[in-house]
Amino acid sequence: MPAIVGAFKVNSVGSSSVVHVGDCITISPYSEVKTFAGAGSFNTGDGLNIYNQHSVTNTYDNDVVDQPTAANL
């Protein structure tokens, strides 16, 4: 159903974000990211005790594409 939209301000839009005003059937944003983190990096909670004596994060990746998104345009 059509709507009348007043003035709005967009401060910033990320690289995989969507700004939509009006009618639409499908919105399909896509993005790809690779995250490297060492031991204990994503722990959350209250009162955590984490002991990492020796932590090494291997960031070597010999392939060029991990998960292609070319067909998702």
PDB file of N, CA and C in Angstrom:
ATOM      1  N   MET A   1       0.844  -1.162   0.000  1.00  0.00           N
ATOM      2  CA  MET A   1       0.000   0.000   0.000  1.00  0.00           C
ATOM      3  C   MET A   1       0.897   1.234   0.000  1.00  0.00           C
ATOM      4  N   PRO A   2       0.677   2.157  -0.889  1.00  0.00           N
ATOM      5  CA  PRO A   2       1.497   3.363  -0.958  1.00  0.00           C
ATOM      6  C   PRO A   2       1.366   4.206   0.300  1.00  0.00           C
ATOM      7  N   ALA A   3       2.444   4.864   0.636  1.00  0.00           N
ATOM      8  CA  ALA A   3       2.460   5.712   1.822  1.00  0.00           C
ATOM      9  C   ALA A   3       3.132   7.032   1.488  1.00  0.00           C
ATOM     10  N   ILE A   4       2.816   8.040   2.247  1.00  0.00           N
ATOM     11  CA  ILE A   4       3.470   9.335   2.113  1.00  0.00           C
ATOM     12  C   ILE A   4       4.512   9.420   3.219  1.00  0.00           C
ATOM     13  N   VAL A   5       5.752   9.594   2.818  1.00  0.00           N
ATOM     14  CA  VAL A   5       6.851   9.641   3.770  1.00  0.00           C
ATOM     15  C   VAL A   5       7.355  11.066   3.847  1.00  0.00           C
ATOM     16  N   GLY A   6       7.480  11.563   5.070  1.00  0.00           N
ATOM     17  CA  GLY A   6       8.002  12.907   5.265  1.00  0.00           C
ATOM     18  C   GLY A   6       9.511  12.925   5.110  1.00  0.00           C
ATOM     19  N   ALA A   7      10.109  14.015   5.443  1.00  0.00           N
ATOM     20  CA  ALA A   7      11.565  14.156   5.331  1.00  0.00           C
ATOM     21  C   ALA A   7      12.258  13.259   6.347  1.00  0.00           C
ATOM     22  N   PHE A   8      13.352  12.656   5.934  1.00  0.00           N
ATOM     23  CA  PHE A   8      14.164  11.869   6.853  1.00  0.00           C
ATOM     24  C   PHE A   8      15.622  12.067   6.498  1.00  0.00           C
ATOM     25  N   LYS A   9      16.478  11.854   7.471  1.00  0.00           N
ATOM     26  CA  LYS A   9      17.912  12.089   7.310  1.00  0.00           C
ATOM     27  C   LYS A   9      18.658  10.780   7.529  1.00  0.00           C
ATOM     28  N   VAL A  10      19.545  10.439   6.623  1.00  0.00           N
ATOM     29  CA  VAL A  10      20.384   9.252   6.745  1.00  0.00           C
ATOM     30  C   VAL A  10      21.788   9.725   7.064  1.00  0.00           C
ATOM     31  N   ASN A  11      22.269   9.395   8.265  1.00  0.00           N
ATOM     32  CA  ASN A  11      23.609   9.822   8.663  1.00  0.00           C
ATOM     33  C   ASN A  11      24.694   8.989   8.015  1.00  0.00           C
ATOM     34  N   SER A  12      24.507   7.680   7.985  1.00  0.00           N
ATOM     35  CA  SER A  12      25.499   6.818   7.346  1.00  0.00           C
ATOM     36  C   SER A  12      24.843   5.500   6.958  1.00  0.00           C
ATOM     37  N   VAL A  13      25.414   4.874   5.934  1.00  0.00           N
ATOM     38  CA  VAL A  13      24.938   3.584   5.453  1.00  0.00           C
ATOM     39  C   VAL A  13      26.156   2.694   5.292  1.00  0.00           C
ATOM     40  N   GLY A  14      26.131   1.522   5.929  1.00  0.00           N
ATOM     41  CA  GLY A  14      27.254   0.599   5.831  1.00  0.00           C
ATOM     42  C   GLY A  14      27.337  -0.048   4.464  1.00  0.00           C
ATOM     43  N   SER A  15      28.411  -0.788   4.232  1.00  0.00           N
ATOM     44  CA  SER A  15      28.644  -1.364   2.911  1.00  0.00           C
ATOM     45  C   SER A  15      27.632  -2.446   2.550  1.00  0.00           C
ATOM     46  N   SER A  16      27.053  -3.128   3.519  1.00  0.00           N
ATOM     47  CA  SER A  16      26.058  -4.154   3.202  1.00  0.00           C
ATOM     48  C   SER A  16      24.690  -3.793   3.765  1.00  0.00           C
ATOM     49  N   SER A  17      24.418  -2.516   3.930  1.00  0.00           N
ATOM     50  CA  SER A  17      23.153  -2.058   4.497  1.00  0.00           C
ATOM     51  C   SER A  17      22.137  -1.781   3.404  1.00  0.00           C
ATOM     52  N   VAL A  18      20.891  -1.598   3.827  1.00  0.00           N
ATOM     53  CA  VAL A  18      19.809  -1.297   2.901  1.00  0.00           C
ATOM     54  C   VAL A  18      19.043  -0.110   3.439  1.00  0.00           C
ATOM     55  N   VAL A  19      18.793   0.872   2.579  1.00  0.00           N
ATOM     56  CA  VAL A  19      17.897   1.980   2.903  1.00  0.00           C
ATOM     57  C   VAL A  19      16.705   1.835   1.981  1.00  0.00           C
ATOM     58  N   HIS A  20      15.546   1.633   2.556  1.00  0.00           N
ATOM     59  CA  HIS A  20      14.345   1.359   1.762  1.00  0.00           C
ATOM     60  C   HIS A  20      13.245   2.349   2.129  1.00  0.00           C
ATOM     61  N   VAL A  21      12.682   2.976   1.101  1.00  0.00           N
ATOM     62  CA  VAL A  21      11.532   3.857   1.279  1.00  0.00           C
ATOM     63  C   VAL A  21      10.543   3.508   0.179  1.00  0.00           C
ATOM     64  N   GLY A  22       9.347   3.118   0.534  1.00  0.00           N
ATOM     65  CA  GLY A  22       8.338   2.784  -0.463  1.00  0.00           C
ATOM     66  C   GLY A  22       8.040   1.297  -0.508  1.00  0.00           C
ATOM     67  N   ASP A  23       7.335   0.888  -1.560  1.00  0.00           N
ATOM     68  CA  ASP A  23       6.925  -0.506  -1.711  1.00  0.00           C
ATOM     69  C   ASP A  23       8.052  -1.346  -2.285  1.00  0.00           C
ATOM     70  N   CYS A  24       8.071  -2.613  -1.910  1.00  0.00           N
ATOM     71  CA  CYS A  24       9.038  -3.538  -2.494  1.00  0.00           C
ATOM     72  C   CYS A  24       8.605  -4.960  -2.195  1.00  0.00           C
ATOM     73  N   ILE A  25       9.047  -5.893  -3.008  1.00  0.00           N
ATOM     74  CA  ILE A  25       8.737  -7.302  -2.781  1.00  0.00           C
ATOM     75  C   ILE A  25       9.875  -7.971  -2.036  1.00  0.00           C
ATOM     76  N   THR A  26      11.101  -7.741  -2.479  1.00  0.00           N
ATOM     77  CA  THR A  26      12.245  -8.439  -1.902  1.00  0.00           C
ATOM     78  C   THR A  26      13.416  -7.488  -1.712  1.00  0.00           C
ATOM     79  N   ILE A  27      14.044  -7.573  -0.563  1.00  0.00           N
ATOM     80  CA  ILE A  27      15.306  -6.891  -0.309  1.00  0.00           C
ATOM     81  C   ILE A  27      16.316  -7.979   0.026  1.00  0.00           C
ATOM     82  N   SER A  28      17.416  -8.005  -0.700  1.00  0.00           N
ATOM     83  CA  SER A  28      18.377  -9.086  -0.522  1.00  0.00           C
ATOM     84  C   SER A  28      19.800  -8.547  -0.475  1.00  0.00           C
ATOM     85  N   PRO A  29      20.204  -7.986   0.654  1.00  0.00           N
ATOM     86  CA  PRO A  29      21.592  -7.510   0.759  1.00  0.00           C
ATOM     87  C   PRO A  29      22.551  -8.687   0.907  1.00  0.00           C
ATOM     88  N   TYR A  30      23.788  -8.494   0.544  1.00  0.00           N
ATOM     89  CA  TYR A  30      24.770  -9.549   0.714  1.00  0.00           C
ATOM     90  C   TYR A  30      26.098  -8.941   1.144  1.00  0.00           C
ATOM     91  N   SER A  31      26.868  -9.705   1.843  1.00  0.00           N
ATOM     92  CA  SER A  31      28.196  -9.275   2.259  1.00  0.00           C
ATOM     93  C   SER A  31      29.025 -10.508   2.564  1.00  0.00           C
ATOM     94  N   GLU A  32      30.305 -10.305   2.673  1.00  0.00           N
ATOM     95  CA  GLU A  32      31.205 -11.389   3.034  1.00  0.00           C
ATOM     96  C   GLU A  32      32.266 -10.830   3.966  1.00  0.00           C
ATOM     97  N   VAL A  33      32.677 -11.655   4.928  1.00  0.00           N
ATOM     98  CA  VAL A  33      33.649 -11.214   5.916  1.00  0.00           C
ATOM     99  C   VAL A  33      34.424 -12.420   6.412  1.00  0.00           C
ATOM    100  N   LYS A  34      35.654 -12.194   6.797  1.00  0.00           N
ATOM    101  CA  LYS A  34      36.465 -13.246   7.385  1.00  0.00           C
ATOM    102  C   LYS A  34      37.018 -12.700   8.703  1.00  0.00           C
ATOM    103  N   THR A  35      36.796 -13.425   9.780  1.00  0.00           N
ATOM    104  CA  THR A  35      37.199 -12.970  11.102  1.00  0.00           C
ATOM    105  C   THR A  35      38.236 -13.903  11.683  1.00  0.00           C
ATOM    106  N   PHE A  36      39.318 -13.334  12.168  1.00  0.00           N
ATOM    107  CA  PHE A  36      40.343 -14.091  12.873  1.00  0.00           C
ATOM    108  C   PHE A  36      40.356 -13.628  14.320  1.00  0.00           C
ATOM    109  N   ALA A  37      40.370 -14.570  15.252  1.00  0.00           N
ATOM    110  CA  ALA A  37      40.400 -14.206  16.660  1.00  0.00           C
ATOM    111  C   ALA A  37      41.128 -15.291  17.438  1.00  0.00           C
ATOM    112  N   GLY A  38      41.829 -14.877  18.447  1.00  0.00           N
ATOM    113  CA  GLY A  38      42.591 -15.819  19.257  1.00  0.00           C
ATOM    114  C   GLY A  38      41.734 -16.489  20.318  1.00  0.00           C
ATOM    115  N   ALA A  39      42.371 -17.298  21.118  1.00  0.00           N
ATOM    116  CA  ALA A  39      41.671 -18.038  22.170  1.00  0.00           C
ATOM    117  C   ALA A  39      41.062 -17.069  23.178  1.00  0.00           C
ATOM    118  N   GLY A  40      39.804 -17.295  23.520  1.00  0.00           N
ATOM    119  CA  GLY A  40      39.132 -16.459  24.508  1.00  0.00           C
ATOM    120  C   GLY A  40      38.620 -15.145  23.979  1.00  0.00           C
ATOM    121  N   SER A  41      38.602 -14.935  22.677  1.00  0.00           N
ATOM    122  CA  SER A  41      38.223 -13.635  22.129  1.00  0.00           C
ATOM    123  C   SER A  41      36.731 -13.355  22.213  1.00  0.00           C
ATOM    124  N   PHE A  42      35.892 -14.352  22.009  1.00  0.00           N
ATOM    125  CA  PHE A  42      34.454 -14.129  21.956  1.00  0.00           C
ATOM    126  C   PHE A  42      33.738 -14.593  23.218  1.00  0.00           C
ATOM    127  N   ASN A  43      34.429 -14.717  24.322  1.00  0.00           N
ATOM    128  CA  ASN A  43      33.790 -15.119  25.572  1.00  0.00           C
ATOM    129  C   ASN A  43      33.024 -13.944  26.158  1.00  0.00           C
ATOM    130  N   THR A  44      31.806 -14.197  26.596  1.00  0.00           N
ATOM    131  CA  THR A  44      30.994 -13.163  27.238  1.00  0.00           C
ATOM    132  C   THR A  44      30.401 -13.725  28.520  1.00  0.00           C
ATOM    133  N   GLY A  45      30.061 -12.866  29.415  1.00  0.00           N
ATOM    134  CA  GLY A  45      29.442 -13.307  30.657  1.00  0.00           C
ATOM    135  C   GLY A  45      30.024 -12.603  31.858  1.00  0.00           C
ATOM    136  N   ASP A  46      29.520 -12.925  33.022  1.00  0.00           N
ATOM    137  CA  ASP A  46      29.970 -12.312  34.262  1.00  0.00           C
ATOM    138  C   ASP A  46      30.910 -13.263  34.992  1.00  0.00           C
ATOM    139  N   GLY A  47      32.010 -12.764  35.467  1.00  0.00           N
ATOM    140  CA  GLY A  47      32.921 -13.546  36.292  1.00  0.00           C
ATOM    141  C   GLY A  47      33.666 -14.630  35.545  1.00  0.00           C
ATOM    142  N   LEU A  48      34.099 -14.373  34.324  1.00  0.00           N
ATOM    143  CA  LEU A  48      34.855 -15.369  33.567  1.00  0.00           C
ATOM    144  C   LEU A  48      36.306 -15.415  34.035  1.00  0.00           C
ATOM    145  N   ASN A  49      36.822 -16.597  34.151  1.00  0.00           N
ATOM    146  CA  ASN A  49      38.243 -16.795  34.424  1.00  0.00           C
ATOM    147  C   ASN A  49      38.810 -17.607  33.274  1.00  0.00           C
ATOM    148  N   ILE A  50      39.617 -16.967  32.436  1.00  0.00           N
ATOM    149  CA  ILE A  50      40.165 -17.618  31.252  1.00  0.00           C
ATOM    150  C   ILE A  50      41.678 -17.601  31.359  1.00  0.00           C
ATOM    151  N   TYR A  51      42.273 -18.763  31.195  1.00  0.00           N
ATOM    152  CA  TYR A  51      43.723 -18.881  31.278  1.00  0.00           C
ATOM    153  C   TYR A  51      44.239 -19.451  29.960  1.00  0.00           C
ATOM    154  N   ASN A  52      44.878 -18.625  29.184  1.00  0.00           N
ATOM    155  CA  ASN A  52      45.473 -19.044  27.921  1.00  0.00           C
ATOM    156  C   ASN A  52      46.988 -18.891  28.053  1.00  0.00           C
ATOM    157  N   GLN A  53      47.651 -19.974  28.271  1.00  0.00           N
ATOM    158  CA  GLN A  53      49.094 -19.906  28.467  1.00  0.00           C
ATOM    159  C   GLN A  53      49.807 -19.520  27.179  1.00  0.00           C
ATOM    160  N   HIS A  54      49.417 -20.134  26.058  1.00  0.00           N
ATOM    161  CA  HIS A  54      50.053 -19.835  24.785  1.00  0.00           C
ATOM    162  C   HIS A  54      48.976 -19.900  23.714  1.00  0.00           C
ATOM    163  N   SER A  55      48.737 -18.784  23.036  1.00  0.00           N
ATOM    164  CA  SER A  55      47.682 -18.727  22.038  1.00  0.00           C
ATOM    165  C   SER A  55      48.256 -18.209  20.726  1.00  0.00           C
ATOM    166  N   VAL A  56      48.021 -18.941  19.653  1.00  0.00           N
ATOM    167  CA  VAL A  56      48.457 -18.529  18.322  1.00  0.00           C
ATOM    168  C   VAL A  56      47.261 -18.638  17.379  1.00  0.00           C
ATOM    169  N   THR A  57      46.992 -17.574  16.649  1.00  0.00           N
ATOM    170  CA  THR A  57      45.923 -17.590  15.666  1.00  0.00           C
ATOM    171  C   THR A  57      46.547 -17.673  14.284  1.00  0.00           C
ATOM    172  N   ASN A  58      46.271 -18.758  13.575  1.00  0.00           N
ATOM    173  CA  ASN A  58      46.815 -18.958  12.240  1.00  0.00           C
ATOM    174  C   ASN A  58      45.957 -18.204  11.234  1.00  0.00           C
ATOM    175  N   THR A  59      46.514 -17.193  10.586  1.00  0.00           N
ATOM    176  CA  THR A  59      45.767 -16.392   9.618  1.00  0.00           C
ATOM    177  C   THR A  59      46.149 -16.715   8.182  1.00  0.00           C
ATOM    178  N   TYR A  60      46.933 -17.747   7.967  1.00  0.00           N
ATOM    179  CA  TYR A  60      47.316 -18.127   6.605  1.00  0.00           C
ATOM    180  C   TYR A  60      46.141 -18.817   5.923  1.00  0.00           C
ATOM    181  N   ASP A  61      45.766 -18.326   4.766  1.00  0.00           N
ATOM    182  CA  ASP A  61      44.658 -18.894   4.013  1.00  0.00           C
ATOM    183  C   ASP A  61      45.078 -18.963   2.555  1.00  0.00           C
ATOM    184  N   ASN A  62      45.342 -20.162   2.050  1.00  0.00           N
ATOM    185  CA  ASN A  62      45.903 -20.285   0.712  1.00  0.00           C
ATOM    186  C   ASN A  62      44.878 -20.217  -0.404  1.00  0.00           C
ATOM    187  N   ASP A  63      43.584 -20.373  -0.125  1.00  0.00           N
ATOM    188  CA  ASP A  63      42.610 -20.241  -1.209  1.00  0.00           C
ATOM    189  C   ASP A  63      42.205 -18.777  -1.373  1.00  0.00           C
ATOM    190  N   VAL A  64      41.742 -18.437  -2.562  1.00  0.00           N
ATOM    191  CA  VAL A  64      41.429 -17.048  -2.864  1.00  0.00           C
ATOM    192  C   VAL A  64      40.016 -16.690  -2.425  1.00  0.00           C
ATOM    193  N   VAL A  65      39.060 -17.586  -2.654  1.00  0.00           N
ATOM    194  CA  VAL A  65      37.654 -17.320  -2.357  1.00  0.00           C
ATOM    195  C   VAL A  65      37.143 -18.390  -1.403  1.00  0.00           C
ATOM    196  N   ASP A  66      36.595 -17.983  -0.276  1.00  0.00           N
ATOM    197  CA  ASP A  66      36.033 -18.938   0.681  1.00  0.00           C
ATOM    198  C   ASP A  66      34.577 -19.247   0.390  1.00  0.00           C
ATOM    199  N   GLN A  67      33.774 -18.213   0.237  1.00  0.00           N
ATOM    200  CA  GLN A  67      32.352 -18.396  -0.041  1.00  0.00           C
ATOM    201  C   GLN A  67      31.940 -17.351  -1.070  1.00  0.00           C
ATOM    202  N   PRO A  68      31.856 -17.728  -2.353  1.00  0.00           N
ATOM    203  CA  PRO A  68      31.565 -16.732  -3.396  1.00  0.00           C
ATOM    204  C   PRO A  68      30.147 -16.185  -3.273  1.00  0.00           C
ATOM    205  N   THR A  69      30.028 -14.886  -3.493  1.00  0.00           N
ATOM    206  CA  THR A  69      28.715 -14.253  -3.467  1.00  0.00           C
ATOM    207  C   THR A  69      28.401 -13.585  -4.810  1.00  0.00           C
ATOM    208  N   ALA A  70      29.119 -13.930  -5.859  1.00  0.00           N
ATOM    209  CA  ALA A  70      28.934 -13.289  -7.162  1.00  0.00           C
ATOM    210  C   ALA A  70      27.529 -13.543  -7.720  1.00  0.00           C
ATOM    211  N   ALA A  71      26.967 -14.710  -7.491  1.00  0.00           N
ATOM    212  CA  ALA A  71      25.640 -15.022  -8.034  1.00  0.00           C
ATOM    213  C   ALA A  71      24.515 -14.432  -7.211  1.00  0.00           C
ATOM    214  N   ASN A  72      24.806 -13.799  -6.083  1.00  0.00           N
ATOM    215  CA  ASN A  72      23.772 -13.250  -5.209  1.00  0.00           C
ATOM    216  C   ASN A  72      23.423 -11.806  -5.526  1.00  0.00           C
ATOM    217  N   LEU A  73      23.878 -11.309  -6.651  1.00  0.00           N
ATOM    218  CA  LEU A  73      23.556  -9.925  -7.001  1.00  0.00           C
ATOM    219  C   LEU A  73      22.161  -9.869  -7.448  1.00  0.00           C
TER     220      LEU A  73
END
